[in-house]
Amino acid sequence: MPALVAARYNPDLKAKYQSLIESGKPAKVAVVTLMRKLIVMANALIKADRLWVDKRA
């Protein structure tokens, strides 16, 4: 479920999702890609002992 929410509301992950869909990937493959990206980001934040900071332009 977090990957679906990220695909809808996180601008960076939404762009990644849209690019995967536009390149012809099935929706499930695009969601699994976002799941993996979220896990990698969470592990990096934990390893660096940092909190998530939403970048605002």
N, C-alpha and C. Protein backbone atom coordinates (compact mmCIF):
# COMPACT_ATOMS: atom_id res chain seq x y z
N MET A 1 0.81 -1.21 0.00
CA MET A 1 0.00 0.00 0.00
C MET A 1 0.85 1.27 0.00
N PRO A 2 1.98 1.33 0.72
CA PRO A 2 2.78 2.56 0.67
C PRO A 2 3.26 2.90 -0.74
N ALA A 3 3.52 1.90 -1.55
CA ALA A 3 3.98 2.16 -2.91
C ALA A 3 2.86 2.81 -3.74
N LEU A 4 1.63 2.40 -3.52
CA LEU A 4 0.52 3.00 -4.24
C LEU A 4 0.31 4.46 -3.83
N VAL A 5 0.46 4.73 -2.55
CA VAL A 5 0.33 6.11 -2.06
C VAL A 5 1.47 6.95 -2.61
N ALA A 6 2.68 6.40 -2.62
CA ALA A 6 3.83 7.12 -3.15
C ALA A 6 3.66 7.41 -4.64
N ALA A 7 3.10 6.46 -5.37
CA ALA A 7 2.87 6.66 -6.80
C ALA A 7 1.88 7.78 -7.06
N ARG A 8 1.04 8.04 -6.10
CA ARG A 8 0.03 9.08 -6.27
C ARG A 8 0.48 10.44 -5.75
N TYR A 9 1.22 10.49 -4.63
CA TYR A 9 1.47 11.77 -3.97
C TYR A 9 2.93 12.21 -3.93
N ASN A 10 3.91 11.31 -4.05
CA ASN A 10 5.31 11.71 -4.03
C ASN A 10 5.72 12.08 -5.45
N PRO A 11 6.14 13.33 -5.68
CA PRO A 11 6.43 13.77 -7.05
C PRO A 11 7.53 12.95 -7.74
N ASP A 12 8.59 12.61 -7.02
CA ASP A 12 9.69 11.85 -7.63
C ASP A 12 9.25 10.43 -7.99
N LEU A 13 8.59 9.77 -7.06
CA LEU A 13 8.15 8.41 -7.32
C LEU A 13 6.99 8.36 -8.31
N LYS A 14 6.18 9.40 -8.31
CA LYS A 14 5.11 9.48 -9.30
C LYS A 14 5.69 9.57 -10.71
N ALA A 15 6.74 10.37 -10.86
CA ALA A 15 7.40 10.49 -12.17
C ALA A 15 8.02 9.16 -12.59
N LYS A 16 8.63 8.46 -11.65
CA LYS A 16 9.21 7.16 -11.95
C LYS A 16 8.13 6.17 -12.38
N TYR A 17 7.03 6.15 -11.66
CA TYR A 17 5.91 5.27 -11.98
C TYR A 17 5.38 5.58 -13.39
N GLN A 18 5.17 6.85 -13.68
CA GLN A 18 4.65 7.23 -14.99
C GLN A 18 5.61 6.86 -16.11
N SER A 19 6.91 7.02 -15.87
CA SER A 19 7.87 6.68 -16.91
C SER A 19 7.89 5.18 -17.18
N LEU A 20 7.72 4.38 -16.13
CA LEU A 20 7.66 2.93 -16.31
C LEU A 20 6.41 2.52 -17.08
N ILE A 21 5.28 3.12 -16.75
CA ILE A 21 4.03 2.81 -17.43
C ILE A 21 4.12 3.23 -18.91
N GLU A 22 4.68 4.41 -19.15
CA GLU A 22 4.80 4.90 -20.53
C GLU A 22 5.76 4.06 -21.37
N SER A 23 6.72 3.41 -20.70
CA SER A 23 7.66 2.56 -21.44
C SER A 23 7.10 1.17 -21.69
N GLY A 24 5.88 0.93 -21.24
CA GLY A 24 5.21 -0.33 -21.54
C GLY A 24 5.24 -1.38 -20.45
N LYS A 25 5.73 -1.03 -19.28
CA LYS A 25 5.76 -1.99 -18.17
C LYS A 25 4.35 -2.16 -17.61
N PRO A 26 4.01 -3.37 -17.17
CA PRO A 26 2.71 -3.57 -16.51
C PRO A 26 2.65 -2.80 -15.18
N ALA A 27 1.45 -2.48 -14.75
CA ALA A 27 1.28 -1.68 -13.53
C ALA A 27 1.88 -2.38 -12.31
N LYS A 28 1.75 -3.71 -12.23
CA LYS A 28 2.29 -4.44 -11.09
C LYS A 28 3.81 -4.35 -11.04
N VAL A 29 4.45 -4.37 -12.19
CA VAL A 29 5.91 -4.24 -12.24
C VAL A 29 6.32 -2.85 -11.76
N ALA A 30 5.58 -1.83 -12.18
CA ALA A 30 5.89 -0.47 -11.76
C ALA A 30 5.72 -0.31 -10.25
N VAL A 31 4.68 -0.92 -9.68
CA VAL A 31 4.45 -0.82 -8.23
C VAL A 31 5.54 -1.56 -7.47
N VAL A 32 5.96 -2.71 -7.95
CA VAL A 32 7.04 -3.45 -7.29
C VAL A 32 8.34 -2.65 -7.34
N THR A 33 8.57 -1.96 -8.44
CA THR A 33 9.76 -1.10 -8.54
C THR A 33 9.71 -0.01 -7.47
N LEU A 34 8.55 0.59 -7.28
CA LEU A 34 8.42 1.62 -6.25
C LEU A 34 8.60 1.04 -4.85
N MET A 35 8.09 -0.18 -4.63
CA MET A 35 8.28 -0.83 -3.33
C MET A 35 9.76 -0.98 -3.03
N ARG A 36 10.51 -1.44 -4.03
CA ARG A 36 11.94 -1.64 -3.84
C ARG A 36 12.64 -0.30 -3.57
N LYS A 37 12.27 0.74 -4.30
CA LYS A 37 12.88 2.05 -4.08
C LYS A 37 12.58 2.56 -2.67
N LEU A 38 11.36 2.35 -2.18
CA LEU A 38 11.01 2.78 -0.83
C LEU A 38 11.83 2.02 0.21
N ILE A 39 12.02 0.72 0.02
CA ILE A 39 12.81 -0.07 0.96
C ILE A 39 14.25 0.39 0.97
N VAL A 40 14.81 0.64 -0.21
CA VAL A 40 16.20 1.10 -0.30
C VAL A 40 16.35 2.46 0.38
N MET A 41 15.39 3.36 0.17
CA MET A 41 15.45 4.68 0.82
C MET A 41 15.34 4.56 2.33
N ALA A 42 14.43 3.71 2.80
CA ALA A 42 14.26 3.53 4.24
C ALA A 42 15.53 2.95 4.86
N ASN A 43 16.13 1.96 4.20
CA ASN A 43 17.37 1.39 4.73
C ASN A 43 18.49 2.41 4.76
N ALA A 44 18.58 3.27 3.75
CA ALA A 44 19.62 4.30 3.72
C ALA A 44 19.42 5.30 4.85
N LEU A 45 18.16 5.67 5.12
CA LEU A 45 17.88 6.61 6.20
C LEU A 45 18.22 6.00 7.56
N ILE A 46 17.89 4.73 7.74
CA ILE A 46 18.20 4.06 9.00
C ILE A 46 19.70 3.93 9.19
N LYS A 47 20.39 3.55 8.13
CA LYS A 47 21.84 3.37 8.22
C LYS A 47 22.55 4.68 8.55
N ALA A 48 22.08 5.78 7.97
CA ALA A 48 22.69 7.09 8.21
C ALA A 48 22.13 7.77 9.45
N ASP A 49 21.17 7.14 10.13
CA ASP A 49 20.52 7.70 11.32
C ASP A 49 19.96 9.10 11.02
N ARG A 50 19.20 9.18 9.93
CA ARG A 50 18.61 10.44 9.50
C ARG A 50 17.10 10.32 9.47
N LEU A 51 16.45 11.46 9.47
CA LEU A 51 15.00 11.51 9.29
C LEU A 51 14.69 11.91 7.86
N TRP A 52 13.51 11.54 7.40
CA TRP A 52 13.07 11.93 6.07
C TRP A 52 12.84 13.43 6.02
N VAL A 53 13.40 14.09 5.00
CA VAL A 53 13.20 15.52 4.80
C VAL A 53 12.60 15.69 3.41
N ASP A 54 11.39 16.20 3.40
CA ASP A 54 10.70 16.43 2.12
C ASP A 54 11.27 17.68 1.49
N LYS A 55 11.84 17.55 0.29
CA LYS A 55 12.41 18.72 -0.37
C LYS A 55 11.31 19.51 -1.06
N ARG A 56 11.22 20.74 -0.74
CA ARG A 56 10.23 21.64 -1.34
C ARG A 56 10.95 22.63 -2.23
N ALA A 57 10.47 22.82 -3.43
CA ALA A 57 11.12 23.76 -4.36
C ALA A 57 10.62 25.16 -4.13
